[in-house]
Structure formats: structure tokens, C-alpha cells
Amino acid sequence: MNRSAPRTHIFQIYYSNATREALDPGFVPLDNIRNERPDWREYWPIRRHLLNNSLISLARHAAAWIAKAYNPMLLPFSHSPVSGLGAELAALDALKIAYQVEPLQQYLRAYFELRARYAAMANKK
């Protein structure tokens, strides 16, 4: 297999037309003129670039990724308020995947117990 070296890019953030004109040659410009998240400073244009470009590139190659089932019964539960039912839905998905890969009754039982618990929580709101 002939693998070429990965291309390296160096990024530079600009904040105005003047700073854009002063960019070093060969750098990839990252726009922060609108300063949409001043509290995130330089992190915002970097994050935006990664979400809009690099992760899309990774997704293109997702078919080559290898997924491995894991036993969700061995994972600790987190009580951190991630968002709405985000953690709950992830737990249910993990149990469904685990049951599809290895149809153990404990996965099925845990899935239905959690689903009933989350439905009861949602009805209380």
C-alpha cells in the first residue's frame, strides 16, 4: 500500500480586513471578523473550521471505520446534566446495539426498564 504523507496546514486567525492583509504567506486564514463568540476568543474560529471542514472529511471515510460492540452494563452512569434526555437516549442506543450484537436477555431487560423509567420522567415534566 502506497501511503503519501499527510498534508500539513498552518492556520492563522484574522479579526479585521487589516489583519487579513497582514497574514503570513502560506497560512490558511480563519475568519473571526464577526466575533460571534467573544467569550471563546480564538477557540471559536478554530471550532467552526473543524466542525465545518475536518469532521466532514472524516465522515466521508466513515464506511471504513470499525465499530465494536461493548457491554453497556459495565459502563458507569453519569449524573451530569448533559442535555435533556441525551444521556438516556445514548444508554438506550447502547443497549439496542449490544443486544443486536449479542442477544443477552440482560440487555433486553435493561433496555425496557430504562425506557419505562425515562418515559415516566418525561411524563412528570
C-alpha atoms as a PDB file:
ATOM      1  CA  MET A   1       0.000   0.000   0.000  1.00  0.00           C
ATOM      2  CA  ASN A   2       1.428   3.353  -1.014  1.00  0.00           C
ATOM      3  CA  ARG A   3       0.603   5.965   1.601  1.00  0.00           C
ATOM      4  CA  SER A   4       1.629   9.517   0.997  1.00  0.00           C
ATOM      5  CA  ALA A   5       2.491  11.792   3.876  1.00  0.00           C
ATOM      6  CA  PRO A   6      -0.490  13.743   5.198  1.00  0.00           C
ATOM      7  CA  ARG A   7      -0.684  17.341   4.077  1.00  0.00           C
ATOM      8  CA  THR A   8       0.090  19.823   6.811  1.00  0.00           C
ATOM      9  CA  HIS A   9      -1.794  23.083   7.120  1.00  0.00           C
ATOM     10  CA  ILE A  10      -0.936  26.020   9.347  1.00  0.00           C
ATOM     11  CA  PHE A  11      -3.842  28.286  10.218  1.00  0.00           C
ATOM     12  CA  GLN A  12      -3.871  31.936  11.172  1.00  0.00           C
ATOM     13  CA  ILE A  13      -6.843  33.843  12.558  1.00  0.00           C
ATOM     14  CA  TYR A  14      -7.724  37.314  11.339  1.00  0.00           C
ATOM     15  CA  TYR A  15     -10.002  39.804  13.098  1.00  0.00           C
ATOM     16  CA  SER A  16     -10.338  42.613  10.552  1.00  0.00           C
ATOM     17  CA  ASN A  17      -9.546  43.415   6.935  1.00  0.00           C
ATOM     18  CA  ALA A  18      -6.259  44.914   8.112  1.00  0.00           C
ATOM     19  CA  THR A  19      -5.210  41.750   9.947  1.00  0.00           C
ATOM     20  CA  ARG A  20      -6.296  39.666   6.950  1.00  0.00           C
ATOM     21  CA  GLU A  21      -3.963  41.672   4.723  1.00  0.00           C
ATOM     22  CA  ALA A  22      -1.141  41.076   7.208  1.00  0.00           C
ATOM     23  CA  LEU A  23      -1.467  37.266   7.201  1.00  0.00           C
ATOM     24  CA  ASP A  24       1.733  35.348   6.679  1.00  0.00           C
ATOM     25  CA  PRO A  25       2.055  33.763   3.235  1.00  0.00           C
ATOM     26  CA  GLY A  26       1.212  30.068   3.096  1.00  0.00           C
ATOM     27  CA  PHE A  27      -1.083  30.145   6.130  1.00  0.00           C
ATOM     28  CA  VAL A  28      -4.720  29.117   5.847  1.00  0.00           C
ATOM     29  CA  PRO A  29      -6.854  32.072   7.011  1.00  0.00           C
ATOM     30  CA  LEU A  30      -9.538  31.592   9.669  1.00  0.00           C
ATOM     31  CA  ASP A  31     -12.145  34.356   9.709  1.00  0.00           C
ATOM     32  CA  ASN A  32     -13.082  35.887  13.071  1.00  0.00           C
ATOM     33  CA  ILE A  33     -14.245  39.293  11.803  1.00  0.00           C
ATOM     34  CA  ARG A  34     -17.810  38.857  13.071  1.00  0.00           C
ATOM     35  CA  ASN A  35     -16.517  37.739  16.503  1.00  0.00           C
ATOM     36  CA  GLU A  36     -19.691  35.705  17.069  1.00  0.00           C
ATOM     37  CA  ARG A  37     -18.462  34.282  20.382  1.00  0.00           C
ATOM     38  CA  PRO A  38     -16.176  36.860  22.025  1.00  0.00           C
ATOM     39  CA  ASP A  39     -16.139  34.760  25.198  1.00  0.00           C
ATOM     40  CA  TRP A  40     -14.461  31.907  23.248  1.00  0.00           C
ATOM     41  CA  ARG A  41     -11.801  34.147  21.703  1.00  0.00           C
ATOM     42  CA  GLU A  42      -9.629  32.192  19.219  1.00  0.00           C
ATOM     43  CA  TYR A  43     -11.348  28.911  20.032  1.00  0.00           C
ATOM     44  CA  TRP A  44     -14.479  29.943  18.083  1.00  0.00           C
ATOM     45  CA  PRO A  45     -12.982  30.183  14.554  1.00  0.00           C
ATOM     46  CA  ILE A  46     -10.940  27.018  15.185  1.00  0.00           C
ATOM     47  CA  ARG A  47     -14.019  25.114  16.354  1.00  0.00           C
ATOM     48  CA  ARG A  48     -16.101  26.388  13.460  1.00  0.00           C
ATOM     49  CA  HIS A  49     -13.422  25.306  10.987  1.00  0.00           C
ATOM     50  CA  LEU A  50     -13.151  21.836  12.497  1.00  0.00           C
ATOM     51  CA  LEU A  51     -16.903  21.315  12.537  1.00  0.00           C
ATOM     52  CA  ASN A  52     -17.399  22.623   9.004  1.00  0.00           C
ATOM     53  CA  ASN A  53     -14.386  21.029   7.334  1.00  0.00           C
ATOM     54  CA  SER A  54     -12.331  18.417   9.112  1.00  0.00           C
ATOM     55  CA  LEU A  55     -15.229  16.479  10.595  1.00  0.00           C
ATOM     56  CA  ILE A  56     -16.982  16.427   7.225  1.00  0.00           C
ATOM     57  CA  SER A  57     -13.844  14.926   5.738  1.00  0.00           C
ATOM     58  CA  LEU A  58     -13.784  12.288   8.475  1.00  0.00           C
ATOM     59  CA  ALA A  59     -17.433  11.461   7.836  1.00  0.00           C
ATOM     60  CA  ARG A  60     -16.651  10.761   4.178  1.00  0.00           C
ATOM     61  CA  HIS A  61     -14.440   7.918   5.296  1.00  0.00           C
ATOM     62  CA  ALA A  62     -16.865   6.630   7.925  1.00  0.00           C
ATOM     63  CA  ALA A  63     -17.561   3.465   5.921  1.00  0.00           C
ATOM     64  CA  ALA A  64     -14.004   2.350   6.652  1.00  0.00           C
ATOM     65  CA  TRP A  65     -14.421   2.790  10.408  1.00  0.00           C
ATOM     66  CA  ILE A  66     -14.667  -0.289  12.554  1.00  0.00           C
ATOM     67  CA  ALA A  67     -17.313  -0.283  15.261  1.00  0.00           C
ATOM     68  CA  LYS A  68     -17.053  -2.638  18.182  1.00  0.00           C
ATOM     69  CA  ALA A  69     -19.917  -3.511  20.468  1.00  0.00           C
ATOM     70  CA  TYR A  70     -19.368  -3.121  24.171  1.00  0.00           C
ATOM     71  CA  ASN A  71     -21.230  -4.253  27.214  1.00  0.00           C
ATOM     72  CA  PRO A  72     -23.171  -1.161  28.365  1.00  0.00           C
ATOM     73  CA  MET A  73     -23.891  -2.864  31.680  1.00  0.00           C
ATOM     74  CA  LEU A  74     -20.228  -2.341  32.589  1.00  0.00           C
ATOM     75  CA  LEU A  75     -20.245   1.411  31.900  1.00  0.00           C
ATOM     76  CA  PRO A  76     -20.767   3.828  34.788  1.00  0.00           C
ATOM     77  CA  PHE A  77     -23.757   6.143  34.605  1.00  0.00           C
ATOM     78  CA  SER A  78     -23.048   9.831  34.659  1.00  0.00           C
ATOM     79  CA  HIS A  79     -25.334  12.168  36.559  1.00  0.00           C
ATOM     80  CA  SER A  80     -24.078  15.223  34.750  1.00  0.00           C
ATOM     81  CA  PRO A  81     -26.859  17.260  33.101  1.00  0.00           C
ATOM     82  CA  VAL A  82     -25.661  16.903  29.512  1.00  0.00           C
ATOM     83  CA  SER A  83     -28.860  17.903  27.779  1.00  0.00           C
ATOM     84  CA  GLY A  84     -32.460  16.826  28.049  1.00  0.00           C
ATOM     85  CA  LEU A  85     -32.554  13.093  27.523  1.00  0.00           C
ATOM     86  CA  GLY A  86     -29.230  12.949  25.661  1.00  0.00           C
ATOM     87  CA  ALA A  87     -27.506  10.586  28.075  1.00  0.00           C
ATOM     88  CA  GLU A  88     -30.649   8.487  28.422  1.00  0.00           C
ATOM     89  CA  LEU A  89     -31.020   8.097  24.665  1.00  0.00           C
ATOM     90  CA  ALA A  90     -27.351   7.156  24.374  1.00  0.00           C
ATOM     91  CA  ALA A  91     -27.827   4.455  27.018  1.00  0.00           C
ATOM     92  CA  LEU A  92     -30.864   3.085  25.192  1.00  0.00           C
ATOM     93  CA  ASP A  93     -28.977   3.060  21.889  1.00  0.00           C
ATOM     94  CA  ALA A  94     -26.031   1.290  23.501  1.00  0.00           C
ATOM     95  CA  LEU A  95     -28.343  -1.386  24.878  1.00  0.00           C
ATOM     96  CA  LYS A  96     -30.024  -1.867  21.478  1.00  0.00           C
ATOM     97  CA  ILE A  97     -26.666  -2.223  19.734  1.00  0.00           C
ATOM     98  CA  ALA A  98     -25.346  -4.594  22.382  1.00  0.00           C
ATOM     99  CA  TYR A  99     -28.491  -6.745  22.100  1.00  0.00           C
ATOM    100  CA  GLN A 100     -28.215  -6.877  18.302  1.00  0.00           C
ATOM    101  CA  VAL A 101     -24.593  -7.985  18.513  1.00  0.00           C
ATOM    102  CA  GLU A 102     -25.014 -10.348  21.452  1.00  0.00           C
ATOM    103  CA  PRO A 103     -28.681 -11.094  22.255  1.00  0.00           C
ATOM    104  CA  LEU A 104     -28.401 -11.433  26.021  1.00  0.00           C
ATOM    105  CA  GLN A 105     -31.624 -11.126  27.993  1.00  0.00           C
ATOM    106  CA  GLN A 106     -29.974  -8.742  30.477  1.00  0.00           C
ATOM    107  CA  TYR A 107     -29.579  -6.172  27.673  1.00  0.00           C
ATOM    108  CA  LEU A 108     -33.208  -6.519  26.628  1.00  0.00           C
ATOM    109  CA  ARG A 109     -34.456  -6.343  30.221  1.00  0.00           C
ATOM    110  CA  ALA A 110     -32.308  -3.282  30.988  1.00  0.00           C
ATOM    111  CA  TYR A 111     -33.489  -1.574  27.786  1.00  0.00           C
ATOM    112  CA  PHE A 112     -37.175  -1.917  28.664  1.00  0.00           C
ATOM    113  CA  GLU A 113     -36.611  -0.929  32.303  1.00  0.00           C
ATOM    114  CA  LEU A 114     -34.705   2.215  31.295  1.00  0.00           C
ATOM    115  CA  ARG A 115     -37.222   3.094  28.607  1.00  0.00           C
ATOM    116  CA  ALA A 116     -40.076   2.847  31.125  1.00  0.00           C
ATOM    117  CA  ARG A 117     -38.125   4.946  33.649  1.00  0.00           C
ATOM    118  CA  TYR A 118     -37.360   7.660  31.075  1.00  0.00           C
ATOM    119  CA  ALA A 119     -40.959   7.712  29.860  1.00  0.00           C
ATOM    120  CA  ALA A 120     -42.137   8.197  33.468  1.00  0.00           C
ATOM    121  CA  MET A 121     -39.608  11.037  33.905  1.00  0.00           C
ATOM    122  CA  ALA A 122     -40.803  12.721  30.714  1.00  0.00           C
ATOM    123  CA  ASN A 123     -44.442  12.452  31.786  1.00  0.00           C
ATOM    124  CA  LYS A 124     -43.676  14.209  35.103  1.00  0.00           C
ATOM    125  CA  LYS A 125     -42.378  17.299  33.280  1.00  0.00           C
END
